[in-house]
């Protein structure tokens, strides 16, 4: 296990160190990963000079704790999340190597819910809970000169509409994207 992790890490570092074309590319795709809430795979499609669509597919509930109060019970596990945002972005530097962005969209989550009224029963009863809500995000992205990747740091909020209206959750993340 350690050997395969080491080989994968070295291959990733070597891949990232390759000099390539200038990567302030805003008419292309990027693919990467995001660590945060939600964590997972991140895909971004750039449109024109200042628009993009961002999609995250991964886990929800692992960073801020798996045991959280929800409705009349608790979440006790990590779930699946799909999150999408339409973004506006702008360069902060002449070289366009640092860009800021903000956007709005939605999020769908699937997570196990443990209602309080079933807590004392001999069978540990769990309800599957699919939730839907709106989200907003803001962040900063750094494109190293002559490299095909970018780093990003972002924060935002998720406001649930279905299952528990106005349930609020912080969405933060940092990650790496390969731009092609």
C-alpha atoms as a PDB file:
ATOM      1  CA  UNK A   1       0.000   0.000   0.000  1.00  0.00           C
ATOM      2  CA  UNK A   2       2.754   2.448   0.943  1.00  0.00           C
ATOM      3  CA  UNK A   3       4.731   1.592  -2.178  1.00  0.00           C
ATOM      4  CA  UNK A   4       1.769   2.262  -4.497  1.00  0.00           C
ATOM      5  CA  UNK A   5       1.015   5.544  -2.670  1.00  0.00           C
ATOM      6  CA  UNK A   6       4.645   6.619  -3.060  1.00  0.00           C
ATOM      7  CA  UNK A   7       4.703   5.739  -6.770  1.00  0.00           C
ATOM      8  CA  UNK A   8       1.410   7.546  -7.381  1.00  0.00           C
ATOM      9  CA  UNK A   9       2.640  10.624  -5.493  1.00  0.00           C
ATOM     10  CA  UNK A  10       5.925  10.734  -7.406  1.00  0.00           C
ATOM     11  CA  UNK A  11       4.109  10.325 -10.736  1.00  0.00           C
ATOM     12  CA  UNK A  12       1.714  13.152  -9.837  1.00  0.00           C
ATOM     13  CA  UNK A  13       4.580  15.445  -8.793  1.00  0.00           C
ATOM     14  CA  UNK A  14       6.467  14.666 -12.005  1.00  0.00           C
ATOM     15  CA  UNK A  15       3.360  15.310 -14.071  1.00  0.00           C
ATOM     16  CA  UNK A  16       2.762  18.643 -12.371  1.00  0.00           C
ATOM     17  CA  UNK A  17       6.370  19.769 -12.797  1.00  0.00           C
ATOM     18  CA  UNK A  18       6.260  19.437 -16.590  1.00  0.00           C
ATOM     19  CA  UNK A  19       6.622  22.765 -18.366  1.00  0.00           C
ATOM     20  CA  UNK A  20       3.815  23.241 -20.787  1.00  0.00           C
ATOM     21  CA  UNK A  21       1.942  26.038 -22.471  1.00  0.00           C
ATOM     22  CA  UNK A  22       0.775  29.146 -20.608  1.00  0.00           C
ATOM     23  CA  UNK A  23      -2.323  28.067 -18.765  1.00  0.00           C
ATOM     24  CA  UNK A  24      -4.472  31.083 -18.177  1.00  0.00           C
ATOM     25  CA  UNK A  25      -6.951  29.263 -20.397  1.00  0.00           C
ATOM     26  CA  UNK A  26     -10.539  30.307 -20.119  1.00  0.00           C
ATOM     27  CA  UNK A  27     -12.066  28.591 -23.157  1.00  0.00           C
ATOM     28  CA  UNK A  28     -11.119  25.092 -22.077  1.00  0.00           C
ATOM     29  CA  UNK A  29     -11.850  22.360 -19.594  1.00  0.00           C
ATOM     30  CA  UNK A  30     -10.142  21.608 -16.315  1.00  0.00           C
ATOM     31  CA  UNK A  31     -10.294  18.472 -14.191  1.00  0.00           C
ATOM     32  CA  UNK A  32      -9.063  18.006 -10.641  1.00  0.00           C
ATOM     33  CA  UNK A  33      -9.926  17.257  -7.070  1.00  0.00           C
ATOM     34  CA  UNK A  34     -11.296  19.262  -4.182  1.00  0.00           C
ATOM     35  CA  UNK A  35     -10.732  18.645  -0.492  1.00  0.00           C
ATOM     36  CA  UNK A  36     -13.343  20.217   1.705  1.00  0.00           C
ATOM     37  CA  UNK A  37     -17.079  20.201   2.027  1.00  0.00           C
ATOM     38  CA  UNK A  38     -17.956  18.607  -0.376  1.00  0.00           C
ATOM     39  CA  UNK A  39     -14.780  16.681  -1.276  1.00  0.00           C
ATOM     40  CA  UNK A  40     -14.303  14.887  -4.557  1.00  0.00           C
ATOM     41  CA  UNK A  41     -13.783  15.299  -8.269  1.00  0.00           C
ATOM     42  CA  UNK A  42     -13.985  18.810  -9.705  1.00  0.00           C
ATOM     43  CA  UNK A  43     -14.719  19.627 -13.369  1.00  0.00           C
ATOM     44  CA  UNK A  44     -14.751  23.160 -14.759  1.00  0.00           C
ATOM     45  CA  UNK A  45     -15.684  24.441 -18.215  1.00  0.00           C
ATOM     46  CA  UNK A  46     -14.564  27.988 -19.067  1.00  0.00           C
ATOM     47  CA  UNK A  47     -16.706  30.150 -21.385  1.00  0.00           C
ATOM     48  CA  UNK A  48     -15.286  33.302 -22.934  1.00  0.00           C
ATOM     49  CA  UNK A  49     -13.202  35.651 -20.830  1.00  0.00           C
ATOM     50  CA  UNK A  50     -15.092  35.640 -17.555  1.00  0.00           C
ATOM     51  CA  UNK A  51     -17.628  32.804 -17.217  1.00  0.00           C
ATOM     52  CA  UNK A  52     -17.381  29.159 -16.209  1.00  0.00           C
ATOM     53  CA  UNK A  53     -19.452  26.217 -15.003  1.00  0.00           C
ATOM     54  CA  UNK A  54     -18.070  24.254 -12.043  1.00  0.00           C
ATOM     55  CA  UNK A  55     -19.187  20.743 -11.038  1.00  0.00           C
ATOM     56  CA  UNK A  56     -18.183  18.853  -7.863  1.00  0.00           C
ATOM     57  CA  UNK A  57     -19.054  15.198  -7.331  1.00  0.00           C
ATOM     58  CA  UNK A  58     -17.993  13.577  -4.086  1.00  0.00           C
ATOM     59  CA  UNK A  59     -18.626  13.200  -0.395  1.00  0.00           C
ATOM     60  CA  UNK A  60     -20.600  15.455   1.919  1.00  0.00           C
ATOM     61  CA  UNK A  61     -20.363  15.576   5.696  1.00  0.00           C
ATOM     62  CA  UNK A  62     -16.837  14.340   6.362  1.00  0.00           C
ATOM     63  CA  UNK A  63     -14.978  17.578   7.087  1.00  0.00           C
ATOM     64  CA  UNK A  64     -17.370  19.242   9.535  1.00  0.00           C
ATOM     65  CA  UNK A  65     -18.205  16.035  11.340  1.00  0.00           C
ATOM     66  CA  UNK A  66     -20.336  13.021  10.617  1.00  0.00           C
ATOM     67  CA  UNK A  67     -22.499  13.526  13.700  1.00  0.00           C
ATOM     68  CA  UNK A  68     -24.615  16.652  13.117  1.00  0.00           C
ATOM     69  CA  UNK A  69     -28.094  17.634  14.224  1.00  0.00           C
ATOM     70  CA  UNK A  70     -30.512  17.538  11.328  1.00  0.00           C
ATOM     71  CA  UNK A  71     -34.286  18.008  11.437  1.00  0.00           C
ATOM     72  CA  UNK A  72     -35.510  15.960  14.424  1.00  0.00           C
ATOM     73  CA  UNK A  73     -32.525  13.640  14.531  1.00  0.00           C
ATOM     74  CA  UNK A  74     -28.922  13.347  13.426  1.00  0.00           C
ATOM     75  CA  UNK A  75     -26.663  12.708  10.497  1.00  0.00           C
ATOM     76  CA  UNK A  76     -24.071  10.123  11.545  1.00  0.00           C
ATOM     77  CA  UNK A  77     -22.378   9.240   8.272  1.00  0.00           C
ATOM     78  CA  UNK A  78     -20.778  10.759   5.203  1.00  0.00           C
ATOM     79  CA  UNK A  79     -22.967  10.990   2.096  1.00  0.00           C
ATOM     80  CA  UNK A  80     -22.815  11.655  -1.627  1.00  0.00           C
ATOM     81  CA  UNK A  81     -23.032  15.191  -3.014  1.00  0.00           C
ATOM     82  CA  UNK A  82     -23.375  16.711  -6.484  1.00  0.00           C
ATOM     83  CA  UNK A  83     -22.850  20.460  -6.629  1.00  0.00           C
ATOM     84  CA  UNK A  84     -22.895  22.794  -9.646  1.00  0.00           C
ATOM     85  CA  UNK A  85     -22.240  26.540  -9.960  1.00  0.00           C
ATOM     86  CA  UNK A  86     -22.336  29.083 -12.748  1.00  0.00           C
ATOM     87  CA  UNK A  87     -19.306  31.329 -12.159  1.00  0.00           C
ATOM     88  CA  UNK A  88     -18.067  34.795 -12.998  1.00  0.00           C
ATOM     89  CA  UNK A  89     -14.292  35.271 -12.756  1.00  0.00           C
ATOM     90  CA  UNK A  90     -11.858  38.145 -13.099  1.00  0.00           C
ATOM     91  CA  UNK A  91      -8.070  38.551 -13.239  1.00  0.00           C
ATOM     92  CA  UNK A  92      -6.382  40.265 -10.305  1.00  0.00           C
ATOM     93  CA  UNK A  93      -3.010  40.589 -12.053  1.00  0.00           C
ATOM     94  CA  UNK A  94      -1.902  41.728 -15.521  1.00  0.00           C
ATOM     95  CA  UNK A  95      -0.495  38.286 -16.241  1.00  0.00           C
ATOM     96  CA  UNK A  96      -3.885  36.763 -15.298  1.00  0.00           C
ATOM     97  CA  UNK A  97      -2.114  34.227 -13.099  1.00  0.00           C
ATOM     98  CA  UNK A  98      -4.386  35.042 -10.133  1.00  0.00           C
ATOM     99  CA  UNK A  99      -8.125  35.141 -10.663  1.00  0.00           C
ATOM    100  CA  UNK A 100     -11.067  35.558  -8.299  1.00  0.00           C
ATOM    101  CA  UNK A 101     -14.504  34.089  -8.900  1.00  0.00           C
ATOM    102  CA  UNK A 102     -17.971  33.840  -7.446  1.00  0.00           C
ATOM    103  CA  UNK A 103     -21.076  31.996  -8.473  1.00  0.00           C
ATOM    104  CA  UNK A 104     -24.424  30.479  -7.640  1.00  0.00           C
ATOM    105  CA  UNK A 105     -26.005  27.105  -8.220  1.00  0.00           C
ATOM    106  CA  UNK A 106     -27.423  24.078  -6.493  1.00  0.00           C
ATOM    107  CA  UNK A 107     -26.528  20.978  -4.555  1.00  0.00           C
ATOM    108  CA  UNK A 108     -28.058  17.512  -4.186  1.00  0.00           C
ATOM    109  CA  UNK A 109     -27.043  15.361  -1.202  1.00  0.00           C
ATOM    110  CA  UNK A 110     -27.785  11.785  -0.219  1.00  0.00           C
ATOM    111  CA  UNK A 111     -27.002  11.000   3.393  1.00  0.00           C
ATOM    112  CA  UNK A 112     -28.254   8.656   6.111  1.00  0.00           C
ATOM    113  CA  UNK A 113     -30.574  10.268   8.628  1.00  0.00           C
ATOM    114  CA  UNK A 114     -31.250   8.854  12.099  1.00  0.00           C
ATOM    115  CA  UNK A 115     -34.569  10.246  13.445  1.00  0.00           C
ATOM    116  CA  UNK A 116     -34.891  10.760  17.217  1.00  0.00           C
ATOM    117  CA  UNK A 117     -38.232   8.944  17.427  1.00  0.00           C
ATOM    118  CA  UNK A 118     -36.512   5.669  16.387  1.00  0.00           C
ATOM    119  CA  UNK A 119     -33.512   5.984  18.748  1.00  0.00           C
ATOM    120  CA  UNK A 120     -34.621   3.479  21.427  1.00  0.00           C
ATOM    121  CA  UNK A 121     -35.643   0.650  19.117  1.00  0.00           C
ATOM    122  CA  UNK A 122     -33.738  -2.628  19.015  1.00  0.00           C
ATOM    123  CA  UNK A 123     -33.157  -2.301  15.272  1.00  0.00           C
ATOM    124  CA  UNK A 124     -30.890   0.600  14.358  1.00  0.00           C
ATOM    125  CA  UNK A 125     -33.245   2.139  11.823  1.00  0.00           C
ATOM    126  CA  UNK A 126     -31.843   4.501   9.247  1.00  0.00           C
ATOM    127  CA  UNK A 127     -33.650   6.644   6.712  1.00  0.00           C
ATOM    128  CA  UNK A 128     -32.066   7.534   3.398  1.00  0.00           C
ATOM    129  CA  UNK A 129     -32.334  11.254   2.952  1.00  0.00           C
ATOM    130  CA  UNK A 130     -32.014  13.036  -0.381  1.00  0.00           C
ATOM    131  CA  UNK A 131     -31.815  16.782   0.061  1.00  0.00           C
ATOM    132  CA  UNK A 132     -31.817  19.634  -2.417  1.00  0.00           C
ATOM    133  CA  UNK A 133     -30.814  23.265  -2.012  1.00  0.00           C
ATOM    134  CA  UNK A 134     -29.138  26.345  -3.368  1.00  0.00           C
ATOM    135  CA  UNK A 135     -25.514  27.276  -2.894  1.00  0.00           C
ATOM    136  CA  UNK A 136     -23.150  30.130  -3.490  1.00  0.00           C
ATOM    137  CA  UNK A 137     -19.360  30.120  -3.709  1.00  0.00           C
ATOM    138  CA  UNK A 138     -16.464  32.552  -3.937  1.00  0.00           C
ATOM    139  CA  UNK A 139     -12.804  31.810  -4.401  1.00  0.00           C
ATOM    140  CA  UNK A 140      -9.356  32.556  -5.720  1.00  0.00           C
ATOM    141  CA  UNK A 141      -7.395  30.542  -8.284  1.00  0.00           C
ATOM    142  CA  UNK A 142      -3.660  30.631  -9.006  1.00  0.00           C
ATOM    143  CA  UNK A 143      -2.232  29.579 -12.397  1.00  0.00           C
ATOM    144  CA  UNK A 144       1.568  29.038 -12.107  1.00  0.00           C
ATOM    145  CA  UNK A 145       3.363  30.441 -15.196  1.00  0.00           C
ATOM    146  CA  UNK A 146       3.950  27.876 -17.966  1.00  0.00           C
ATOM    147  CA  UNK A 147       2.233  25.058 -16.047  1.00  0.00           C
ATOM    148  CA  UNK A 148      -0.920  23.170 -17.084  1.00  0.00           C
ATOM    149  CA  UNK A 149      -2.516  23.218 -13.634  1.00  0.00           C
ATOM    150  CA  UNK A 150      -4.030  25.649 -11.151  1.00  0.00           C
ATOM    151  CA  UNK A 151      -4.624  25.759  -7.393  1.00  0.00           C
ATOM    152  CA  UNK A 152      -7.809  27.097  -5.839  1.00  0.00           C
ATOM    153  CA  UNK A 153      -9.243  28.040  -2.456  1.00  0.00           C
ATOM    154  CA  UNK A 154     -12.953  28.736  -2.020  1.00  0.00           C
ATOM    155  CA  UNK A 155     -15.723  29.206   0.494  1.00  0.00           C
ATOM    156  CA  UNK A 156     -19.491  29.441   0.353  1.00  0.00           C
ATOM    157  CA  UNK A 157     -22.759  28.240   1.808  1.00  0.00           C
ATOM    158  CA  UNK A 158     -25.480  25.690   1.102  1.00  0.00           C
ATOM    159  CA  UNK A 159     -29.081  26.461   2.059  1.00  0.00           C
ATOM    160  CA  UNK A 160     -31.367  23.448   1.923  1.00  0.00           C
ATOM    161  CA  UNK A 161     -34.816  23.795   0.393  1.00  0.00           C
ATOM    162  CA  UNK A 162     -36.104  20.216   0.485  1.00  0.00           C
ATOM    163  CA  UNK A 163     -36.160  17.999   3.385  1.00  0.00           C
ATOM    164  CA  UNK A 164     -35.164  20.674   5.953  1.00  0.00           C
ATOM    165  CA  UNK A 165     -35.866  24.180   4.614  1.00  0.00           C
ATOM    166  CA  UNK A 166     -33.233  26.729   5.637  1.00  0.00           C
ATOM    167  CA  UNK A 167     -30.776  24.128   6.979  1.00  0.00           C
ATOM    168  CA  UNK A 168     -27.470  25.959   6.493  1.00  0.00           C
ATOM    169  CA  UNK A 169     -24.103  24.343   5.830  1.00  0.00           C
ATOM    170  CA  UNK A 170     -20.719  25.913   5.193  1.00  0.00           C
ATOM    171  CA  UNK A 171     -19.022  24.817   1.949  1.00  0.00           C
ATOM    172  CA  UNK A 172     -15.260  25.307   1.836  1.00  0.00           C
ATOM    173  CA  UNK A 173     -12.546  23.712  -0.206  1.00  0.00           C
ATOM    174  CA  UNK A 174      -9.106  23.773  -1.678  1.00  0.00           C
ATOM    175  CA  UNK A 175      -7.869  21.852  -4.621  1.00  0.00           C
ATOM    176  CA  UNK A 176      -5.898  21.347  -7.759  1.00  0.00           C
ATOM    177  CA  UNK A 177      -7.090  21.309 -11.389  1.00  0.00           C
ATOM    178  CA  UNK A 178      -5.331  20.261 -14.578  1.00  0.00           C
ATOM    179  CA  UNK A 179      -6.249  22.634 -17.435  1.00  0.00           C
ATOM    180  CA  UNK A 180      -6.487  21.228 -20.965  1.00  0.00           C
END
